[in-house]
Amino acid sequence: MDLALVGIGKIARDQHVPSLDASPDWKLAATVSRHGSVDGVEQFTSFEQFLDERQDIRVVSLCLPPVPRFDYAVQAIAAGRHVMLEKPPGASVAECQKLLAMARAQGVALYATWHSREAAMVDAARDWLAGQKLRKLTVTWHEDVRRWHPGQDWIWEPGGLGVFDPGINALSIVTKLLPDTLHLGAAELITPENRQCPIAAKLRFAHPNGADIRADFDWRKEGDQIWRIEAETDSGMMTLDAGGAQLSIDGVPQQSDSAALSGEYPRLYARFADLVASGSCDVDLAPLQHVADAFMIGRREITAPFHE
């Protein structure tokens, strides 16, 4: 099936293009970007021109930053295109809800992707936790912003999320691991004095069974990066590490099943193919809602300015 990729930046080149090239379901038939392109693929710099001239391409994948993405999604859905959204699905919860209502009214597929949920061991971790009595869950997501987001000033502006850009990956896993409804109880947002969005954050969640659930996000980590979720239960200790790629129970490494080995983005595109075939929507906004709540109730702490 032909697909157009909109926004040819780092994530598109690193993840989307290779996944599409390897997919049995998709053919990358066009790109839309003011600056980027893919060799051998028809290029547009205007989304309106693409929609007008390539009405045969009924599917678009939007890899733009969250703030400008909404207008593109509205245009695509209004034109009867199926739409896939890179995470986070939008700059606000309300705009995502509007897109969902539009997609349902138009009868097109809308997919709000959470790539970290597709990491190799996330499903196994969820299955192990099911039925366990959870005592404590701790999220540690520490990485170096200079390594992963060099020169991306938009990520510090309103709607760019700051440290929640990686942090929302952790929250997407947590909301898959725990079927019980969580809500944010308190948050601390550490923000550089010269930036709009936080460089670090500490969250505490309320759990229906009273478990102690906390998250610590930090963009100032040099050296080894940490993407870890640890869960203490009555039956033992679970550690989900490397962003969901590694799982151990009481220190014993667990093996992945073969279905999870294809990679996060290939699994997203396989899921999107199913949604397009059925004209269905998959829009889980729980991770974004937690981030929105953090900005709403979080206590601000100003820290030293950040420079590249």
Protein backbone atom coordinates (compact mmCIF):
# COMPACT_ATOMS: atom_id res chain seq x y z
CA MET A 1 0.00 0.00 0.00
CA ASP A 2 1.34 3.45 -0.92
CA LEU A 3 2.14 5.84 1.92
CA ALA A 4 3.46 9.40 2.17
CA LEU A 5 5.91 10.37 4.91
CA VAL A 6 5.55 13.96 6.10
CA GLY A 7 8.52 15.54 7.87
CA ILE A 8 11.92 14.15 6.88
CA GLY A 9 14.03 14.74 9.97
CA LYS A 10 16.15 12.58 12.25
CA ILE A 11 13.39 10.24 13.47
CA ALA A 12 12.05 9.76 9.93
CA ARG A 13 15.48 8.84 8.58
CA ASP A 14 16.52 6.70 11.54
CA GLN A 15 13.29 4.75 12.07
CA HIS A 16 10.43 5.36 9.65
CA VAL A 17 12.23 5.06 6.31
CA PRO A 18 14.08 1.80 7.16
CA SER A 19 10.89 0.30 8.60
CA LEU A 20 8.87 1.19 5.51
CA ASP A 21 11.59 -0.15 3.21
CA ALA A 22 11.51 -3.49 5.03
CA SER A 23 7.72 -3.70 5.36
CA PRO A 24 5.66 -6.17 3.31
CA ASP A 25 2.63 -3.90 3.79
CA TRP A 26 3.90 -0.49 2.72
CA LYS A 27 5.61 1.34 -0.12
CA LEU A 28 7.04 4.80 0.54
CA ALA A 29 5.54 6.59 -2.45
CA ALA A 30 6.05 10.28 -1.56
CA THR A 31 7.61 12.60 1.00
CA VAL A 32 6.60 16.07 2.14
CA SER A 33 9.26 18.28 3.70
CA ARG A 34 10.60 21.76 3.25
CA HIS A 35 14.18 20.59 3.61
CA GLY A 36 14.49 16.80 3.57
CA SER A 37 14.00 14.14 0.93
CA VAL A 38 14.51 10.42 0.35
CA ASP A 39 16.46 9.24 -2.68
CA GLY A 40 14.24 7.77 -5.37
CA VAL A 41 10.99 8.96 -3.77
CA GLU A 42 8.77 11.72 -5.14
CA GLN A 43 9.23 14.87 -3.07
CA PHE A 44 6.80 17.67 -2.22
CA THR A 45 7.53 20.82 -0.24
CA SER A 46 3.84 21.73 0.08
CA PHE A 47 1.37 19.46 1.86
CA GLU A 48 -1.54 21.09 0.06
CA GLN A 49 0.10 20.33 -3.29
CA PHE A 50 0.65 16.72 -2.26
CA LEU A 51 -2.98 16.29 -1.24
CA ASP A 52 -4.14 17.79 -4.51
CA GLU A 53 -1.76 16.02 -6.89
CA ARG A 54 -1.49 12.59 -5.25
CA GLN A 55 -5.08 11.75 -4.40
CA ASP A 56 -4.19 8.13 -5.08
CA ILE A 57 -2.05 8.03 -1.91
CA ARG A 58 -4.63 7.48 0.83
CA VAL A 59 -2.27 7.08 3.79
CA VAL A 60 0.08 9.58 5.47
CA SER A 61 2.50 9.24 8.37
CA LEU A 62 3.19 12.52 10.16
CA CYS A 63 6.70 12.84 11.63
CA LEU A 64 6.50 16.57 12.35
CA PRO A 65 6.99 18.15 15.79
CA PRO A 66 3.75 18.11 17.81
CA VAL A 67 2.85 21.82 17.52
CA PRO A 68 2.63 22.07 13.70
CA ARG A 69 1.40 18.49 13.30
CA PHE A 70 -2.21 19.25 14.22
CA ASP A 71 -2.92 21.40 11.16
CA TYR A 72 -1.43 18.76 8.87
CA ALA A 73 -3.54 16.04 10.51
CA VAL A 74 -6.71 18.13 10.13
CA GLN A 75 -6.02 18.64 6.43
CA ALA A 76 -5.23 14.98 5.88
CA ILE A 77 -8.32 13.68 7.66
CA ALA A 78 -10.55 16.23 5.92
CA ALA A 79 -9.14 14.95 2.62
CA GLY A 80 -10.08 11.38 3.57
CA ARG A 81 -6.56 10.16 4.31
CA HIS A 82 -5.66 7.60 6.95
CA VAL A 83 -3.20 9.15 9.43
CA MET A 84 -0.40 7.86 11.65
CA LEU A 85 0.96 10.22 14.31
CA GLU A 86 4.49 10.12 15.70
CA LYS A 87 4.60 10.44 19.47
CA PRO A 88 3.45 12.50 21.24
CA PRO A 89 0.23 12.57 19.20
CA GLY A 90 -0.23 16.31 19.74
CA ALA A 91 0.65 19.37 21.73
CA SER A 92 -2.55 19.12 23.80
CA VAL A 93 -5.05 16.49 24.85
CA ALA A 94 -7.99 18.43 23.44
CA GLU A 95 -6.57 18.67 19.92
CA CYS A 96 -5.99 14.92 19.86
CA GLN A 97 -9.57 14.33 20.92
CA LYS A 98 -10.70 16.58 18.07
CA LEU A 99 -8.63 14.60 15.57
CA LEU A 100 -10.16 11.36 16.85
CA ALA A 101 -13.68 12.73 16.44
CA MET A 102 -12.84 13.91 12.92
CA ALA A 103 -11.35 10.56 11.93
CA ARG A 104 -14.38 8.66 13.16
CA ALA A 105 -16.72 11.01 11.33
CA GLN A 106 -14.70 10.59 8.12
CA GLY A 107 -14.37 6.83 8.50
CA VAL A 108 -10.58 6.87 8.29
CA ALA A 109 -7.94 5.25 10.48
CA LEU A 110 -6.08 7.34 13.04
CA TYR A 111 -3.15 5.83 14.94
CA ALA A 112 -1.48 7.60 17.87
CA THR A 113 1.76 5.65 18.13
CA TRP A 114 3.81 4.92 21.24
CA HIS A 115 6.94 3.23 19.95
CA SER A 116 8.35 2.30 23.36
CA ARG A 117 5.34 0.08 24.02
CA GLU A 118 6.63 -2.09 21.17
CA ALA A 119 10.03 -2.70 22.79
CA ALA A 120 10.93 -6.38 22.90
CA MET A 121 10.13 -7.17 26.56
CA VAL A 122 7.27 -4.81 27.41
CA ASP A 123 4.54 -7.38 26.76
CA ALA A 124 6.38 -10.00 28.81
CA ALA A 125 6.74 -7.53 31.68
CA ARG A 126 3.03 -6.71 31.51
CA ASP A 127 2.11 -10.40 31.57
CA TRP A 128 4.35 -11.06 34.58
CA LEU A 129 2.87 -8.16 36.52
CA ALA A 130 -0.71 -9.22 35.82
CA GLY A 131 -2.23 -10.56 39.01
CA GLN A 132 0.74 -9.52 41.15
CA LYS A 133 0.30 -7.31 44.18
CA LEU A 134 2.38 -4.25 43.36
CA ARG A 135 4.18 -2.55 46.23
CA LYS A 136 6.42 -0.10 44.43
CA LEU A 137 7.27 0.96 40.89
CA THR A 138 10.16 3.28 40.11
CA VAL A 139 10.93 4.81 36.73
CA THR A 140 14.43 6.16 36.05
CA TRP A 141 14.78 7.78 32.61
CA HIS A 142 18.10 9.65 32.43
CA GLU A 143 19.67 10.63 29.12
CA ASP A 144 21.85 13.28 27.50
CA VAL A 145 19.81 15.83 25.56
CA ARG A 146 22.90 16.98 23.69
CA ARG A 147 23.40 13.48 22.33
CA TRP A 148 19.80 12.75 21.32
CA HIS A 149 18.40 16.17 20.38
CA PRO A 150 21.28 18.34 19.11
CA GLY A 151 20.18 21.72 17.83
CA GLN A 152 16.46 20.98 18.22
CA ASP A 153 15.35 24.27 19.74
CA TRP A 154 11.66 23.51 19.17
CA ILE A 155 11.82 20.86 21.87
CA TRP A 156 12.38 23.57 24.51
CA GLU A 157 9.46 25.74 23.36
CA PRO A 158 5.83 25.47 24.56
CA GLY A 159 4.40 22.26 23.15
CA GLY A 160 7.86 20.74 22.73
CA LEU A 161 7.62 18.99 26.14
CA GLY A 162 11.27 19.31 27.17
CA VAL A 163 12.38 16.28 29.19
CA PHE A 164 8.91 14.82 28.76
CA ASP A 165 9.77 14.09 25.12
CA PRO A 166 11.71 11.01 26.31
CA GLY A 167 9.78 10.83 29.58
CA ILE A 168 6.52 10.21 27.76
CA ASN A 169 8.11 7.05 26.36
CA ALA A 170 8.44 5.77 29.92
CA LEU A 171 4.87 6.81 30.70
CA SER A 172 3.64 4.97 27.62
CA ILE A 173 5.20 1.78 28.98
CA VAL A 174 3.90 2.33 32.51
CA THR A 175 0.33 2.85 31.28
CA LYS A 176 0.61 -0.44 29.36
CA LEU A 177 2.10 -2.35 32.28
CA LEU A 178 -0.55 -1.26 34.79
CA PRO A 179 -4.16 -1.84 33.79
CA ASP A 180 -5.35 0.07 36.85
CA THR A 181 -6.11 3.73 36.36
CA LEU A 182 -3.34 6.00 37.62
CA HIS A 183 -3.49 9.70 38.23
CA LEU A 184 -0.72 12.13 38.99
CA GLY A 185 -0.50 13.16 42.63
CA ALA A 186 2.45 15.56 42.55
CA ALA A 187 5.19 16.77 40.23
CA GLU A 188 8.35 18.83 40.36
CA LEU A 189 9.52 20.45 37.13
CA ILE A 190 13.15 21.63 37.00
CA THR A 191 13.41 24.25 34.26
CA PRO A 192 16.48 26.14 33.01
CA GLU A 193 16.10 29.88 33.45
CA ASN A 194 16.56 30.44 29.72
CA ARG A 195 14.11 27.74 28.54
CA GLN A 196 10.35 27.25 28.53
CA CYS A 197 10.26 23.49 29.20
CA PRO A 198 11.82 21.40 31.97
CA ILE A 199 15.17 19.67 31.76
CA ALA A 200 14.25 17.31 34.61
CA ALA A 201 11.09 16.21 36.38
CA LYS A 202 10.03 14.12 39.35
CA LEU A 203 6.54 12.59 39.42
CA ARG A 204 4.51 10.76 42.05
CA PHE A 205 1.38 8.85 41.08
CA ALA A 206 -1.64 7.68 43.03
CA HIS A 207 -2.42 3.98 42.56
CA PRO A 208 -5.79 2.37 43.43
CA ASN A 209 -4.07 -0.19 45.67
CA GLY A 210 -1.79 2.34 47.34
CA ALA A 211 1.44 1.25 45.61
CA ASP A 212 4.29 3.77 45.65
CA ILE A 213 4.76 4.81 42.00
CA ARG A 214 7.38 7.42 41.11
CA ALA A 215 9.23 8.61 38.02
CA ASP A 216 12.49 10.51 37.72
CA PHE A 217 13.28 12.07 34.34
CA ASP A 218 16.55 13.90 33.70
CA TRP A 219 18.12 15.21 30.49
CA ARG A 220 21.51 15.99 32.01
CA LYS A 221 22.94 12.45 32.16
CA GLU A 222 26.36 12.06 30.60
CA GLY A 223 27.99 8.70 30.03
CA ASP A 224 25.82 5.59 30.28
CA GLN A 225 22.15 6.32 29.62
CA ILE A 226 19.43 4.90 31.88
CA TRP A 227 15.95 3.86 30.72
CA ARG A 228 14.73 1.61 33.52
CA ILE A 229 11.48 0.59 35.24
CA GLU A 230 11.67 -1.42 38.48
CA ALA A 231 8.64 -3.04 40.08
CA GLU A 232 8.58 -4.55 43.55
CA THR A 233 5.78 -7.06 44.18
CA ASP A 234 4.87 -9.66 46.78
CA SER A 235 6.29 -12.28 44.42
CA GLY A 236 9.60 -10.64 43.61
CA MET A 237 11.39 -7.87 41.76
CA MET A 238 10.99 -7.08 38.08
CA THR A 239 13.42 -4.86 36.18
CA LEU A 240 12.60 -3.65 32.68
CA ASP A 241 15.75 -2.06 31.28
CA ALA A 242 17.19 -0.47 28.13
CA GLY A 243 13.90 1.23 27.33
CA GLY A 244 11.97 -2.04 27.48
CA ALA A 245 14.43 -4.19 25.53
CA GLN A 246 15.67 -6.20 28.55
CA LEU A 247 13.74 -7.90 31.34
CA SER A 248 14.90 -9.62 34.51
CA ILE A 249 12.95 -11.21 37.35
CA ASP A 250 14.79 -11.31 40.68
CA GLY A 251 17.99 -10.65 38.74
CA VAL A 252 17.47 -13.49 36.25
CA PRO A 253 17.39 -12.33 32.59
CA GLN A 254 14.29 -13.35 30.67
CA GLN A 255 14.19 -14.35 27.01
CA SER A 256 12.21 -12.48 24.37
CA ASP A 257 9.75 -14.20 22.08
CA SER A 258 10.45 -14.04 18.37
CA ALA A 259 7.41 -11.85 17.61
CA ALA A 260 9.00 -8.97 19.48
CA LEU A 261 12.31 -9.08 17.64
CA SER A 262 11.26 -7.20 14.51
CA GLY A 263 11.72 -3.82 16.21
CA GLU A 264 9.53 -1.06 17.56
CA TYR A 265 8.75 0.85 14.37
CA PRO A 266 8.18 -2.20 12.15
CA ARG A 267 5.61 -3.36 14.71
CA LEU A 268 3.96 0.07 14.64
CA TYR A 269 3.63 -0.05 10.88
CA ALA A 270 2.25 -3.59 10.99
CA ARG A 271 -0.39 -2.40 13.44
CA PHE A 272 -1.16 0.61 11.25
CA ALA A 273 -1.73 -1.69 8.26
CA ASP A 274 -4.39 -3.54 10.27
CA LEU A 275 -6.06 -0.27 11.30
CA VAL A 276 -6.16 1.02 7.73
CA ALA A 277 -7.60 -2.27 6.49
CA SER A 278 -10.46 -2.00 8.98
CA GLY A 279 -10.78 1.80 9.02
CA SER A 280 -10.31 1.77 12.79
CA CYS A 281 -8.69 4.18 15.27
CA ASP A 282 -6.17 3.48 18.02
CA VAL A 283 -5.72 6.66 20.06
CA ASP A 284 -4.66 6.13 23.67
CA LEU A 285 -4.02 9.51 25.25
CA ALA A 286 -3.14 8.32 28.77
CA PRO A 287 0.62 9.10 28.51
CA LEU A 288 -0.07 12.58 27.12
CA GLN A 289 -2.67 13.20 29.82
CA HIS A 290 -0.12 12.50 32.55
CA VAL A 291 2.30 14.99 30.97
CA ALA A 292 -0.45 17.60 30.69
CA ASP A 293 -1.30 17.05 34.36
CA ALA A 294 2.36 17.49 35.30
CA PHE A 295 2.43 20.88 33.62
CA MET A 296 -0.84 21.76 35.34
CA ILE A 297 -0.07 20.80 38.94
CA GLY A 298 3.74 20.61 38.93
CA ARG A 299 5.79 22.78 41.23
CA ARG A 300 8.34 24.79 39.24
CA GLU A 301 11.99 25.01 40.19
CA ILE A 302 14.31 27.24 38.18
CA THR A 303 17.81 25.94 37.56
CA ALA A 304 20.94 27.06 35.69
CA PRO A 305 20.57 28.07 32.03
CA PHE A 306 21.02 25.40 29.39
CA HIS A 307 23.25 25.93 26.37
CA GLU A 308 24.16 23.51 23.60
